[in-house]
Amino acid sequence: METLKIGFVPAHREPFDEDWAAKMRQRCLDAFPRNPLLEIIVPDKEFTKGGCVRDDNEAERVINFFRDAGINGLIIGTMTFGDEVSALSIASAFRDTPILLFGTKEGPFTQDGNRRSDSFCGTLSISSGLHRRKIKFMFGGIVFPEEAKFQSSVDDFLRVCAIEHGFIDARIGLVGPRPERFETCIFSEDLLDLPPKNWSRYNVSKIRPEKGGIHGQKGLHTGADHWQVEGGRNPPQPGIHYFRSQ
């Protein structure tokens, strides 16, 4: 079965803790669900500094890298504050694919009393930028990657990617009649190029020619005055033909 290729953007911002960012990136990679259909596409530590994304040059390289890989979805995680400009450049390039954003929880304060990652603030910045650009995304919360919530968010996201990859643009035929009072269930009626209210639904198995009607021709005719419906206008049996109402 074909795998789902998911691009992972570990977002980082200088001058926040480089070692913390690198370790958080690895913790995320270790925590991604062990799903045989999942293939994580991520820059390594030689492709970008520390394997994270922090500026426009790295963002452009990662965009090309993801395009060459043919990713089916995009996960953006803030390892530290997260540079929103580079992260949003990547998101904009893949706005038509499913996107998941999450932040990582704050680590211990530094010896001088400052925040070690400030990931929460960076996550707000990226989510705000996604909203301004009208890019739809799922939000996985502020988590440590080992938490069950992270696993659950990624699992849900993979289901979305699988649906988008497998069903979007698929041509699916409807077998059997739709409920008469549910116009939203139409499949091919719109091809008739007439308002649905101008059409009545009849069960083919309950239609028979009236005495003196049209004989010697195959099929059903739109001359409704020559046909009669048995058992009412909305019988449950399958096999539906549409007649234009007079």
Protein backbone atom coordinates (compact mmCIF):
# COMPACT_ATOMS: atom_id res chain seq x y z
CA MET A 1 0.00 0.00 0.00
CA GLU A 2 1.23 3.50 -0.84
CA THR A 3 2.72 5.41 2.08
CA LEU A 4 1.75 8.92 3.19
CA LYS A 5 4.68 11.29 2.90
CA ILE A 6 4.43 13.95 5.59
CA GLY A 7 6.78 16.91 5.59
CA PHE A 8 7.96 17.95 9.07
CA VAL A 9 9.12 21.53 9.75
CA PRO A 10 10.96 21.84 13.10
CA ALA A 11 10.74 25.63 13.49
CA HIS A 12 13.44 27.42 15.47
CA ARG A 13 14.46 31.01 16.10
CA GLU A 14 17.84 32.39 17.06
CA PRO A 15 19.07 33.17 19.70
CA PHE A 16 17.04 30.56 21.57
CA ASP A 17 18.71 27.42 22.87
CA GLU A 18 20.18 25.47 19.92
CA ASP A 19 20.73 22.32 21.95
CA TRP A 20 17.16 22.36 23.23
CA ALA A 21 15.84 22.80 19.68
CA ALA A 22 17.91 19.88 18.35
CA LYS A 23 16.86 17.58 21.20
CA MET A 24 13.19 18.54 20.86
CA ARG A 25 13.36 17.85 17.13
CA GLN A 26 14.70 14.36 17.85
CA ARG A 27 12.06 13.76 20.52
CA CYS A 28 9.38 14.58 17.97
CA LEU A 29 10.89 12.19 15.41
CA ASP A 30 11.07 9.45 18.04
CA ALA A 31 7.46 10.06 19.07
CA PHE A 32 5.77 10.02 15.67
CA PRO A 33 3.39 7.04 15.52
CA ARG A 34 4.97 3.81 14.31
CA ASN A 35 2.60 3.53 11.39
CA PRO A 36 3.79 1.53 8.36
CA LEU A 37 1.91 3.96 6.11
CA LEU A 38 3.70 7.01 7.55
CA GLU A 39 6.91 8.33 6.01
CA ILE A 40 8.32 11.45 7.68
CA ILE A 41 10.19 13.78 5.32
CA VAL A 42 12.43 16.10 7.34
CA PRO A 43 15.65 18.03 6.67
CA ASP A 44 18.67 16.44 8.32
CA LYS A 45 21.33 18.29 10.30
CA GLU A 46 23.46 18.83 7.22
CA PHE A 47 20.65 20.07 4.97
CA THR A 48 19.74 22.84 7.44
CA LYS A 49 21.49 23.98 10.60
CA GLY A 50 20.62 21.47 13.31
CA GLY A 51 17.93 20.00 11.05
CA CYS A 52 15.59 22.89 11.92
CA VAL A 53 14.22 25.78 9.86
CA ARG A 54 15.10 29.30 10.94
CA ASP A 55 15.37 31.66 7.95
CA ASP A 56 14.24 32.33 4.38
CA ASN A 57 17.15 30.51 2.73
CA GLU A 58 16.46 27.33 4.66
CA ALA A 59 12.73 27.67 3.97
CA GLU A 60 13.32 27.85 0.21
CA ARG A 61 15.52 24.76 0.30
CA VAL A 62 12.95 22.85 2.36
CA ILE A 63 10.14 23.84 -0.02
CA ASN A 64 12.06 22.37 -2.95
CA PHE A 65 12.96 19.33 -0.88
CA PHE A 66 9.30 18.68 -0.01
CA ARG A 67 8.17 19.26 -3.58
CA ASP A 68 10.68 16.75 -4.89
CA ALA A 69 9.47 14.25 -2.28
CA GLY A 70 5.81 14.81 -3.20
CA ILE A 71 4.50 15.26 0.35
CA ASN A 72 0.85 14.52 1.17
CA GLY A 73 0.71 16.66 4.29
CA LEU A 74 2.69 19.20 6.33
CA ILE A 75 3.41 19.26 10.07
CA ILE A 76 4.86 22.44 11.58
CA GLY A 77 6.17 22.21 15.12
CA THR A 78 7.80 24.97 17.14
CA MET A 79 10.91 23.56 18.79
CA THR A 80 11.61 26.97 20.30
CA PHE A 81 9.99 30.32 19.51
CA GLY A 82 9.89 29.33 15.85
CA ASP A 83 10.63 31.81 13.07
CA GLU A 84 7.14 32.49 11.70
CA VAL A 85 8.24 34.03 8.38
CA SER A 86 10.12 30.94 7.20
CA ALA A 87 7.46 28.57 8.57
CA LEU A 88 4.69 30.53 6.85
CA SER A 89 6.60 30.53 3.56
CA ILE A 90 6.60 26.74 3.63
CA ALA A 91 2.94 26.61 4.64
CA SER A 92 2.01 28.97 1.79
CA ALA A 93 3.80 26.75 -0.72
CA PHE A 94 1.72 23.76 0.44
CA ARG A 95 -1.54 25.48 1.33
CA ASP A 96 -3.53 22.94 -0.69
CA THR A 97 -2.30 20.02 1.43
CA PRO A 98 -3.46 19.25 4.99
CA ILE A 99 -1.45 21.16 7.62
CA LEU A 100 -0.98 20.42 11.32
CA LEU A 101 0.52 22.98 13.70
CA PHE A 102 1.66 22.21 17.23
CA GLY A 103 3.88 23.81 19.85
CA THR A 104 6.18 22.20 22.39
CA LYS A 105 5.98 22.86 26.11
CA GLU A 106 8.45 25.08 27.89
CA GLY A 107 11.54 23.47 29.38
CA PRO A 108 13.38 24.48 32.57
CA PHE A 109 14.28 28.15 32.83
CA THR A 110 17.81 29.13 31.97
CA GLN A 111 20.30 29.94 34.71
CA ASP A 112 19.69 33.65 34.21
CA GLY A 113 15.91 33.17 34.59
CA ASN A 114 14.85 33.41 30.95
CA ARG A 115 12.51 31.09 29.08
CA ARG A 116 14.38 28.30 27.32
CA SER A 117 12.18 27.97 24.24
CA ASP A 118 9.17 30.35 24.33
CA SER A 119 7.52 27.94 21.90
CA PHE A 120 4.06 29.01 23.02
CA CYS A 121 4.60 32.55 21.73
CA GLY A 122 6.07 31.32 18.44
CA THR A 123 3.06 29.04 17.95
CA LEU A 124 0.73 32.02 18.36
CA SER A 125 2.72 33.94 15.75
CA ILE A 126 2.55 31.12 13.19
CA SER A 127 -1.14 30.43 13.78
CA SER A 128 -1.90 34.13 13.41
CA GLY A 129 0.00 34.21 10.12
CA LEU A 130 -1.85 31.15 8.85
CA HIS A 131 -5.14 32.81 9.70
CA ARG A 132 -4.18 36.07 7.93
CA ARG A 133 -3.24 34.09 4.83
CA LYS A 134 -6.51 32.13 5.03
CA ILE A 135 -4.59 28.86 5.19
CA LYS A 136 -6.60 26.11 6.85
CA PHE A 137 -4.84 24.03 9.47
CA MET A 138 -5.37 21.64 12.35
CA PHE A 139 -4.00 22.54 15.77
CA GLY A 140 -2.35 19.88 17.90
CA GLY A 141 -1.97 21.98 21.05
CA ILE A 142 1.08 22.78 23.18
CA VAL A 143 2.56 19.43 24.12
CA PHE A 144 5.60 17.37 24.83
CA PRO A 145 5.87 14.87 21.96
CA GLU A 146 5.73 11.89 24.32
CA GLU A 147 2.23 12.85 25.50
CA ALA A 148 -0.82 10.90 24.36
CA LYS A 149 -2.38 14.12 23.06
CA PHE A 150 0.43 14.50 20.52
CA GLN A 151 0.01 10.91 19.36
CA SER A 152 -3.74 11.40 19.03
CA SER A 153 -3.36 14.65 17.06
CA VAL A 154 -0.93 13.07 14.61
CA ASP A 155 -3.18 10.01 14.19
CA ASP A 156 -6.16 12.24 13.40
CA PHE A 157 -4.05 14.26 10.98
CA LEU A 158 -2.91 11.12 9.16
CA ARG A 159 -6.54 10.13 8.68
CA VAL A 160 -7.23 13.52 7.11
CA CYS A 161 -4.21 13.11 4.81
CA ALA A 162 -5.33 9.62 3.82
CA ILE A 163 -8.82 10.88 2.97
CA GLU A 164 -7.48 13.84 1.01
CA HIS A 165 -4.99 11.67 -0.82
CA GLY A 166 -7.43 8.86 -1.57
CA PHE A 167 -10.77 10.57 -2.13
CA ILE A 168 -10.38 14.17 -3.24
CA ASP A 169 -11.18 14.36 -6.98
CA ALA A 170 -12.39 10.75 -6.94
CA ARG A 171 -15.47 10.07 -9.08
CA ILE A 172 -17.96 8.10 -7.01
CA GLY A 173 -21.26 6.86 -8.45
CA LEU A 174 -24.47 6.63 -6.45
CA VAL A 175 -26.21 3.24 -6.59
CA GLY A 176 -29.89 3.26 -5.70
CA PRO A 177 -32.30 6.12 -5.07
CA ARG A 178 -31.68 9.06 -2.82
CA PRO A 179 -34.31 10.10 -0.25
CA GLU A 180 -36.74 12.38 -2.07
CA ARG A 181 -36.68 15.11 0.56
CA PHE A 182 -32.85 15.31 0.65
CA GLU A 183 -31.86 17.48 -2.30
CA THR A 184 -28.33 17.70 -0.88
CA CYS A 185 -27.84 14.03 -1.81
CA ILE A 186 -28.07 14.62 -5.56
CA PHE A 187 -25.40 12.97 -7.66
CA SER A 188 -26.14 13.60 -11.34
CA GLU A 189 -29.40 15.55 -11.27
CA ASP A 190 -27.49 18.80 -11.66
CA LEU A 191 -26.45 17.59 -15.13
CA LEU A 192 -30.08 18.01 -16.16
CA ASP A 193 -29.53 21.76 -15.93
CA LEU A 194 -32.96 22.31 -14.38
CA PRO A 195 -34.00 23.26 -10.84
CA PRO A 196 -34.60 20.05 -8.83
CA LYS A 197 -38.14 21.19 -8.00
CA ASN A 198 -39.05 20.69 -11.67
CA TRP A 199 -38.38 16.96 -11.46
CA SER A 200 -40.33 14.14 -9.85
CA ARG A 201 -38.79 10.84 -8.78
CA TYR A 202 -40.49 7.58 -9.71
CA ASN A 203 -39.50 3.97 -9.19
CA VAL A 204 -38.88 2.28 -12.54
CA SER A 205 -40.24 -1.06 -11.34
CA LYS A 206 -43.58 0.58 -10.52
CA ILE A 207 -44.09 2.35 -13.85
CA ARG A 208 -46.22 0.71 -16.53
CA PRO A 209 -47.79 2.09 -19.72
CA GLU A 210 -51.43 3.06 -19.48
CA LYS A 211 -53.97 1.68 -21.89
CA GLY A 212 -53.71 3.67 -25.09
CA GLY A 213 -50.24 4.92 -24.21
CA ILE A 214 -47.05 4.76 -26.28
CA HIS A 215 -46.25 1.24 -27.49
CA GLY A 216 -43.46 -0.44 -29.40
CA GLN A 217 -40.62 1.72 -28.07
CA LYS A 218 -37.96 0.83 -25.53
CA GLY A 219 -37.28 2.79 -22.42
CA LEU A 220 -39.31 5.40 -20.55
CA HIS A 221 -40.59 8.66 -21.95
CA THR A 222 -41.03 12.13 -20.57
CA GLY A 223 -44.63 12.13 -21.75
CA ALA A 224 -45.91 11.65 -18.21
CA ASP A 225 -49.54 11.60 -19.35
CA HIS A 226 -48.88 8.17 -20.95
CA TRP A 227 -47.47 6.60 -17.78
CA GLN A 228 -48.84 5.59 -14.42
CA VAL A 229 -47.09 4.98 -11.11
CA GLU A 230 -48.24 2.17 -8.82
CA GLY A 231 -47.90 2.38 -5.04
CA GLY A 232 -47.43 6.11 -4.62
CA ARG A 233 -44.73 8.57 -5.70
CA ASN A 234 -41.99 7.58 -3.27
CA PRO A 235 -41.81 3.75 -3.11
CA PRO A 236 -38.71 2.28 -1.44
CA GLN A 237 -37.56 -0.05 -4.22
CA PRO A 238 -34.38 0.85 -6.16
CA GLY A 239 -34.37 1.92 -9.80
CA ILE A 240 -35.26 5.57 -10.30
CA HIS A 241 -36.14 7.49 -13.45
CA TYR A 242 -36.72 11.22 -13.49
CA PHE A 243 -39.71 12.81 -15.22
CA ARG A 244 -40.07 16.48 -15.84
CA SER A 245 -43.12 17.79 -14.03
CA GLN A 246 -45.80 19.39 -16.15
